């Protein structure tokens, strides 16, 4: 039985924001945490070679307020992944996740990501080395399979082989990855979703904690998966492009806790963080680019996006720009058509 069976991180994993390259950086995660105190947040994928060979430990930086937060690693060398896991554990992450789902050419050339679905024994070796390197829970994010593999045969074998190491938490993107012929962007939409197969895996591997990912765009779409027995739901692009509709009511609907106050309050709560970022030499747009979708569908949303998009990269731009952008939301009439 897993030592983590009743851990807080597993409760948090009832809803998580997917690791997304170039999107879920530390500024994005800090912002998302203001919208939901309970949701599990993931880093962008960080490659083990970048940490171990490149010494890029700054990629592990995060704010204490981000907890619960998980580090996603990419790699296929057990010893390197073990070292990277130790770095992540020492940095204070609540979970270390192995990427077995990314379909990009760059990832394939490094022999990690979704291509590892072809070698579950290697994934097991990697996971075992990662587990031995720290006491932080190790998890896996995978696909149904790749290319012409029969997902109904491949996925159960993968789960059985990898879980034999003692790992008990998996997030399954409910699509196969096509490593030949589809771009990474196309791999997020074109391969058909197979939610029933993920639910069958939960039925067949009842001892495993299984979260589902792929094509889920709202809490309304997420809740039935939880109600039907899955342990968690991971939402990606919808949580990024329309964070309020996914995260603002997550604490009450998913966790039975009090919600955060409002999107407007989150803007004000970001101001001290932004001020500190600017004082340390950062740029405003590095933070505000993650906030453009906050008022999606609300009156004044277009003006909010315009003010931030046009002004945040200008020299000297500061927190007052957010207040200017926010004024377009508060000045919009409640009956005004959504933009």
Protein backbone atom coordinates (compact mmCIF):
# COMPACT_ATOMS: atom_id res chain seq x y z
CA UNK A 1 0.00 0.00 0.00
CA UNK A 2 1.24 3.46 -0.84
CA UNK A 3 2.66 5.52 1.99
CA UNK A 4 0.88 8.50 0.43
CA UNK A 5 -2.64 7.05 0.44
CA UNK A 6 -4.09 9.76 2.68
CA UNK A 7 -1.66 12.54 1.87
CA UNK A 8 -2.85 16.14 1.36
CA UNK A 9 -1.36 16.12 -2.15
CA UNK A 10 -3.84 13.41 -3.16
CA UNK A 11 -6.73 15.48 -1.92
CA UNK A 12 -5.41 18.46 -3.87
CA UNK A 13 -5.16 16.27 -6.99
CA UNK A 14 -8.95 16.07 -7.25
CA UNK A 15 -8.44 19.07 -9.53
CA UNK A 16 -5.15 20.14 -11.06
CA UNK A 17 -3.89 22.59 -13.66
CA UNK A 18 -1.87 20.76 -16.28
CA UNK A 19 1.84 21.38 -16.85
CA UNK A 20 2.03 23.50 -20.01
CA UNK A 21 5.27 24.58 -21.68
CA UNK A 22 5.76 28.35 -21.80
CA UNK A 23 2.59 28.87 -19.78
CA UNK A 24 2.60 27.42 -16.25
CA UNK A 25 5.69 29.24 -15.02
CA UNK A 26 6.01 30.53 -11.46
CA UNK A 27 4.17 33.79 -12.23
CA UNK A 28 1.24 31.91 -13.69
CA UNK A 29 1.12 29.56 -10.73
CA UNK A 30 1.18 32.39 -8.19
CA UNK A 31 -1.73 34.01 -10.02
CA UNK A 32 -3.71 30.75 -10.19
CA UNK A 33 -3.16 30.19 -6.49
CA UNK A 34 -4.97 33.46 -5.76
CA UNK A 35 -8.01 32.06 -7.57
CA UNK A 36 -7.98 28.68 -5.81
CA UNK A 37 -6.28 27.76 -2.55
CA UNK A 38 -6.85 24.00 -2.99
CA UNK A 39 -6.13 23.09 -6.62
CA UNK A 40 -2.87 21.25 -7.36
CA UNK A 41 -0.57 23.27 -9.62
CA UNK A 42 2.17 21.90 -11.89
CA UNK A 43 5.33 23.44 -13.25
CA UNK A 44 6.20 23.46 -16.89
CA UNK A 45 8.18 20.36 -17.81
CA UNK A 46 11.79 20.74 -16.69
CA UNK A 47 14.24 18.33 -18.29
CA UNK A 48 16.51 16.33 -16.04
CA UNK A 49 19.54 17.06 -18.26
CA UNK A 50 18.95 20.81 -17.86
CA UNK A 51 19.20 20.43 -14.09
CA UNK A 52 21.89 17.77 -13.86
CA UNK A 53 24.17 18.62 -16.78
CA UNK A 54 23.21 22.25 -17.30
CA UNK A 55 23.01 23.29 -13.67
CA UNK A 56 19.86 25.28 -14.38
CA UNK A 57 18.56 25.07 -10.83
CA UNK A 58 16.90 28.49 -11.21
CA UNK A 59 14.20 26.61 -13.15
CA UNK A 60 13.07 25.20 -9.81
CA UNK A 61 12.35 28.61 -8.24
CA UNK A 62 8.86 29.07 -6.84
CA UNK A 63 7.08 31.05 -4.15
CA UNK A 64 6.00 29.35 -0.92
CA UNK A 65 2.46 30.60 -1.58
CA UNK A 66 2.21 28.24 -4.57
CA UNK A 67 1.81 25.09 -2.44
CA UNK A 68 0.51 22.53 -3.19
CA UNK A 69 2.77 22.48 -6.26
CA UNK A 70 4.28 19.63 -8.29
CA UNK A 71 7.43 19.55 -10.39
CA UNK A 72 7.19 17.79 -13.75
CA UNK A 73 10.41 16.28 -15.02
CA UNK A 74 11.31 15.05 -18.50
CA UNK A 75 13.98 12.47 -19.10
CA UNK A 76 14.71 8.80 -19.69
CA UNK A 77 17.96 8.19 -17.81
CA UNK A 78 17.21 6.74 -14.36
CA UNK A 79 20.32 8.15 -12.71
CA UNK A 80 19.74 11.66 -14.10
CA UNK A 81 16.10 11.56 -13.11
CA UNK A 82 17.10 10.46 -9.62
CA UNK A 83 19.42 13.45 -9.30
CA UNK A 84 16.80 15.81 -10.69
CA UNK A 85 14.23 14.38 -8.27
CA UNK A 86 16.54 15.09 -5.36
CA UNK A 87 16.98 18.66 -6.59
CA UNK A 88 13.18 19.03 -6.76
CA UNK A 89 12.69 17.53 -3.32
CA UNK A 90 15.36 19.79 -1.84
CA UNK A 91 13.63 22.78 -3.46
CA UNK A 92 10.45 21.90 -1.56
CA UNK A 93 8.07 20.52 -4.20
CA UNK A 94 5.14 18.46 -2.94
CA UNK A 95 5.27 15.95 -5.80
CA UNK A 96 7.65 14.93 -8.59
CA UNK A 97 5.92 13.91 -11.85
CA UNK A 98 7.49 12.08 -14.79
CA UNK A 99 6.38 13.21 -18.25
CA UNK A 100 5.39 10.23 -20.41
CA UNK A 101 2.97 12.20 -22.57
CA UNK A 102 4.63 15.09 -24.42
CA UNK A 103 4.69 14.40 -28.19
CA UNK A 104 7.01 17.15 -29.43
CA UNK A 105 9.90 16.39 -31.79
CA UNK A 106 12.33 17.92 -29.32
CA UNK A 107 11.16 15.52 -26.62
CA UNK A 108 11.30 12.51 -28.94
CA UNK A 109 14.89 13.29 -29.89
CA UNK A 110 15.75 13.12 -26.19
CA UNK A 111 13.99 9.74 -25.91
CA UNK A 112 11.47 10.89 -23.37
CA UNK A 113 7.89 12.07 -23.26
CA UNK A 114 5.20 10.07 -25.05
CA UNK A 115 7.71 7.86 -26.86
CA UNK A 116 8.32 6.18 -23.48
CA UNK A 117 4.89 4.57 -23.78
CA UNK A 118 6.75 2.08 -26.01
CA UNK A 119 9.13 1.08 -23.19
CA UNK A 120 7.18 0.68 -19.92
CA UNK A 121 10.06 -1.30 -18.40
CA UNK A 122 12.34 1.74 -18.84
CA UNK A 123 9.67 3.96 -17.29
CA UNK A 124 9.55 1.57 -14.33
CA UNK A 125 13.33 1.80 -13.95
CA UNK A 126 13.12 5.60 -14.04
CA UNK A 127 10.32 5.72 -11.49
CA UNK A 128 12.11 3.34 -9.15
CA UNK A 129 15.26 5.48 -9.27
CA UNK A 130 13.20 8.61 -8.62
CA UNK A 131 11.45 6.99 -5.65
CA UNK A 132 14.76 5.91 -4.17
CA UNK A 133 16.12 9.45 -4.46
CA UNK A 134 13.66 11.17 -2.09
CA UNK A 135 10.63 10.79 0.16
CA UNK A 136 8.47 13.01 -2.07
CA UNK A 137 5.70 11.18 -3.93
CA UNK A 138 6.57 10.28 -7.53
CA UNK A 139 3.78 10.21 -10.12
CA UNK A 140 3.44 9.66 -13.88
CA UNK A 141 1.51 11.56 -16.57
CA UNK A 142 1.01 9.44 -19.68
CA UNK A 143 -1.06 8.97 -22.83
CA UNK A 144 -3.27 6.03 -23.88
CA UNK A 145 -0.49 4.92 -26.20
CA UNK A 146 1.31 6.12 -29.30
CA UNK A 147 0.90 5.75 -33.05
CA UNK A 148 -0.57 2.38 -34.09
CA UNK A 149 -0.47 0.83 -30.64
CA UNK A 150 -3.69 -0.78 -29.42
CA UNK A 151 -4.45 1.43 -26.43
CA UNK A 152 -6.73 -1.19 -24.88
CA UNK A 153 -3.75 -3.55 -24.68
CA UNK A 154 -0.91 -1.09 -24.18
CA UNK A 155 -2.33 1.06 -21.38
CA UNK A 156 -3.17 -1.78 -18.94
CA UNK A 157 0.28 -3.29 -19.51
CA UNK A 158 1.89 0.09 -18.94
CA UNK A 159 0.00 0.69 -15.68
CA UNK A 160 0.70 -2.83 -14.43
CA UNK A 161 4.41 -2.64 -15.26
CA UNK A 162 5.03 0.82 -13.83
CA UNK A 163 2.86 0.39 -10.74
CA UNK A 164 4.86 -2.73 -9.83
CA UNK A 165 7.49 -0.27 -8.54
CA UNK A 166 5.04 0.85 -5.86
CA UNK A 167 3.94 4.03 -7.58
CA UNK A 168 0.19 4.44 -7.31
CA UNK A 169 -0.69 7.78 -8.94
CA UNK A 170 -1.17 8.32 -12.65
CA UNK A 171 -2.66 11.11 -14.73
CA UNK A 172 -3.85 9.82 -18.09
CA UNK A 173 -4.32 12.10 -21.09
CA UNK A 174 -7.26 10.36 -22.75
CA UNK A 175 -5.77 10.47 -26.26
CA UNK A 176 -3.06 8.57 -28.04
CA UNK A 177 -0.08 10.60 -29.24
CA UNK A 178 0.86 10.39 -32.90
CA UNK A 179 4.61 10.84 -33.04
CA UNK A 180 4.63 10.74 -36.83
CA UNK A 181 2.46 13.03 -38.90
CA UNK A 182 0.96 15.30 -36.23
CA UNK A 183 2.42 18.41 -34.62
CA UNK A 184 2.31 18.85 -30.83
CA UNK A 185 -0.61 21.27 -31.29
CA UNK A 186 -2.49 18.77 -33.47
CA UNK A 187 -1.81 16.05 -30.88
CA UNK A 188 -3.88 18.05 -28.39
CA UNK A 189 -6.99 17.95 -30.58
CA UNK A 190 -6.94 15.45 -33.45
CA UNK A 191 -6.46 12.02 -31.81
CA UNK A 192 -9.91 11.02 -30.53
CA UNK A 193 -10.67 11.12 -26.83
CA UNK A 194 -11.42 7.83 -25.11
CA UNK A 195 -12.75 8.69 -21.68
CA UNK A 196 -14.35 5.24 -21.19
CA UNK A 197 -10.92 3.59 -21.40
CA UNK A 198 -9.59 5.77 -18.58
CA UNK A 199 -12.64 4.93 -16.46
CA UNK A 200 -12.09 1.24 -17.22
CA UNK A 201 -8.51 1.54 -15.98
CA UNK A 202 -9.82 2.85 -12.67
CA UNK A 203 -12.21 -0.08 -12.46
CA UNK A 204 -9.49 -2.58 -13.33
CA UNK A 205 -6.82 -0.98 -11.13
CA UNK A 206 -8.94 0.15 -8.20
CA UNK A 207 -5.89 0.56 -5.94
CA UNK A 208 -4.42 3.22 -8.22
CA UNK A 209 -5.16 6.94 -7.92
CA UNK A 210 -6.10 7.91 -11.48
CA UNK A 211 -6.73 11.41 -12.81
CA UNK A 212 -8.08 12.15 -16.28
CA UNK A 213 -6.84 14.86 -18.65
CA UNK A 214 -7.75 15.99 -22.16
CA UNK A 215 -10.59 18.02 -23.62
CA UNK A 216 -12.12 19.01 -20.28
CA UNK A 217 -13.00 22.69 -20.41
CA UNK A 218 -14.93 23.54 -17.24
CA UNK A 219 -15.89 22.42 -13.77
CA UNK A 220 -19.23 21.34 -15.21
CA UNK A 221 -17.37 18.90 -17.46
CA UNK A 222 -14.98 17.85 -14.70
CA UNK A 223 -17.45 16.95 -11.98
CA UNK A 224 -19.04 13.91 -13.69
CA UNK A 225 -15.63 12.24 -13.94
CA UNK A 226 -15.19 12.60 -10.18
CA UNK A 227 -18.76 11.49 -9.51
CA UNK A 228 -18.21 8.39 -11.65
CA UNK A 229 -15.25 7.27 -9.58
CA UNK A 230 -12.09 8.85 -10.94
CA UNK A 231 -9.79 10.30 -8.31
CA UNK A 232 -8.90 13.52 -10.10
CA UNK A 233 -9.36 15.75 -13.13
CA UNK A 234 -6.58 17.75 -14.77
CA UNK A 235 -7.54 20.79 -16.86
CA UNK A 236 -5.07 22.50 -19.17
CA UNK A 237 -5.82 25.18 -21.74
CA UNK A 238 -9.24 26.12 -20.35
CA UNK A 239 -7.69 26.86 -16.95
CA UNK A 240 -5.13 29.09 -18.62
CA UNK A 241 -7.32 30.97 -21.10
CA UNK A 242 -10.35 31.33 -18.80
CA UNK A 243 -8.95 30.84 -15.30
CA UNK A 244 -11.85 32.40 -13.41
CA UNK A 245 -14.46 29.99 -14.72
CA UNK A 246 -12.31 26.98 -13.79
CA UNK A 247 -10.60 28.08 -10.59
CA UNK A 248 -12.75 30.68 -8.79
CA UNK A 249 -15.39 28.13 -7.73
CA UNK A 250 -13.17 25.07 -7.55
CA UNK A 251 -12.62 25.27 -3.80
CA UNK A 252 -16.32 24.98 -3.01
CA UNK A 253 -17.43 22.63 -5.79
CA UNK A 254 -14.51 20.22 -5.73
CA UNK A 255 -13.22 20.46 -2.16
CA UNK A 256 -16.17 21.69 -0.10
CA UNK A 257 -14.22 24.75 1.07
CA UNK A 258 -14.90 28.48 0.80
CA UNK A 259 -14.24 30.07 -2.59
CA UNK A 260 -11.89 32.98 -3.07
CA UNK A 261 -13.62 36.33 -3.30
CA UNK A 262 -13.51 37.50 -6.91
CA UNK A 263 -11.42 37.99 -10.03
CA UNK A 264 -11.14 41.69 -9.19
CA UNK A 265 -9.72 40.87 -5.75
CA UNK A 266 -7.14 38.60 -7.37
CA UNK A 267 -5.93 41.53 -9.48
CA UNK A 268 -5.40 43.65 -6.37
CA UNK A 269 -3.70 40.73 -4.62
CA UNK A 270 -1.25 40.45 -7.52
CA UNK A 271 -0.02 44.03 -7.13
CA UNK A 272 2.50 43.43 -4.29
CA UNK A 273 3.85 40.38 -6.14
CA UNK A 274 4.26 42.41 -9.32
CA UNK A 275 5.96 45.24 -7.45
CA UNK A 276 8.47 42.79 -5.97
CA UNK A 277 9.05 41.24 -9.39
CA UNK A 278 9.77 44.63 -10.94
CA UNK A 279 12.10 45.60 -8.11
CA UNK A 280 14.11 42.43 -8.71
CA UNK A 281 14.62 43.41 -12.36
CA UNK A 282 11.65 41.63 -13.92
CA UNK A 283 9.29 42.96 -16.57
CA UNK A 284 5.57 43.56 -16.18
CA UNK A 285 4.55 41.54 -19.22
CA UNK A 286 6.24 38.45 -17.78
CA UNK A 287 3.44 38.36 -15.23
CA UNK A 288 0.48 40.00 -16.94
CA UNK A 289 0.62 37.76 -20.02
CA UNK A 290 -0.84 35.04 -17.80
CA UNK A 291 -3.74 37.28 -16.70
CA UNK A 292 -5.18 38.26 -20.07
CA UNK A 293 -8.03 35.74 -19.91
CA UNK A 294 -9.14 36.56 -16.38
CA UNK A 295 -12.33 38.34 -17.45
CA UNK A 296 -13.15 36.24 -20.51
CA UNK A 297 -16.82 36.61 -21.40
CA UNK A 298 -17.33 39.57 -19.08
CA UNK A 299 -18.16 43.18 -20.02
CA UNK A 300 -14.94 45.13 -20.46
CA UNK A 301 -12.82 42.02 -21.14
CA UNK A 302 -11.64 43.28 -24.51
CA UNK A 303 -10.43 46.57 -23.05
CA UNK A 304 -8.73 44.71 -20.18
CA UNK A 305 -6.79 42.60 -22.68
CA UNK A 306 -5.98 45.59 -24.91
CA UNK A 307 -4.57 47.74 -22.12
CA UNK A 308 -2.35 44.94 -20.82
CA UNK A 309 -1.26 43.67 -24.23
CA UNK A 310 -0.32 47.10 -25.52
CA UNK A 311 1.16 48.56 -22.35
CA UNK A 312 2.86 45.84 -20.32
CA UNK A 313 5.96 45.66 -22.54
CA UNK A 314 6.59 49.41 -22.55
CA UNK A 315 9.57 50.73 -20.58
CA UNK A 316 8.58 51.74 -17.07
CA UNK A 317 5.24 49.89 -17.11
CA UNK A 318 4.17 49.10 -13.57
CA UNK A 319 1.29 47.92 -11.37
CA UNK A 320 -0.75 51.03 -12.17
CA UNK A 321 -1.36 49.55 -15.63
CA UNK A 322 -3.38 46.75 -14.06
CA UNK A 323 -5.53 49.26 -12.25
CA UNK A 324 -6.09 51.12 -15.50
CA UNK A 325 -7.08 47.87 -17.21
CA UNK A 326 -9.30 46.91 -14.28
CA UNK A 327 -11.15 50.22 -14.50
CA UNK A 328 -12.63 49.04 -17.81
CA UNK A 329 -14.17 46.08 -16.01
CA UNK A 330 -15.59 48.03 -13.10
CA UNK A 331 -16.91 50.79 -15.38
CA UNK A 332 -18.74 48.35 -17.65
CA UNK A 333 -22.47 48.29 -17.13
CA UNK A 334 -23.76 44.93 -15.76
CA UNK A 335 -26.22 44.69 -18.64
CA UNK A 336 -23.56 45.34 -21.28
CA UNK A 337 -23.03 42.46 -23.66
CA UNK A 338 -20.01 40.30 -22.89
CA UNK A 339 -16.99 40.90 -25.03
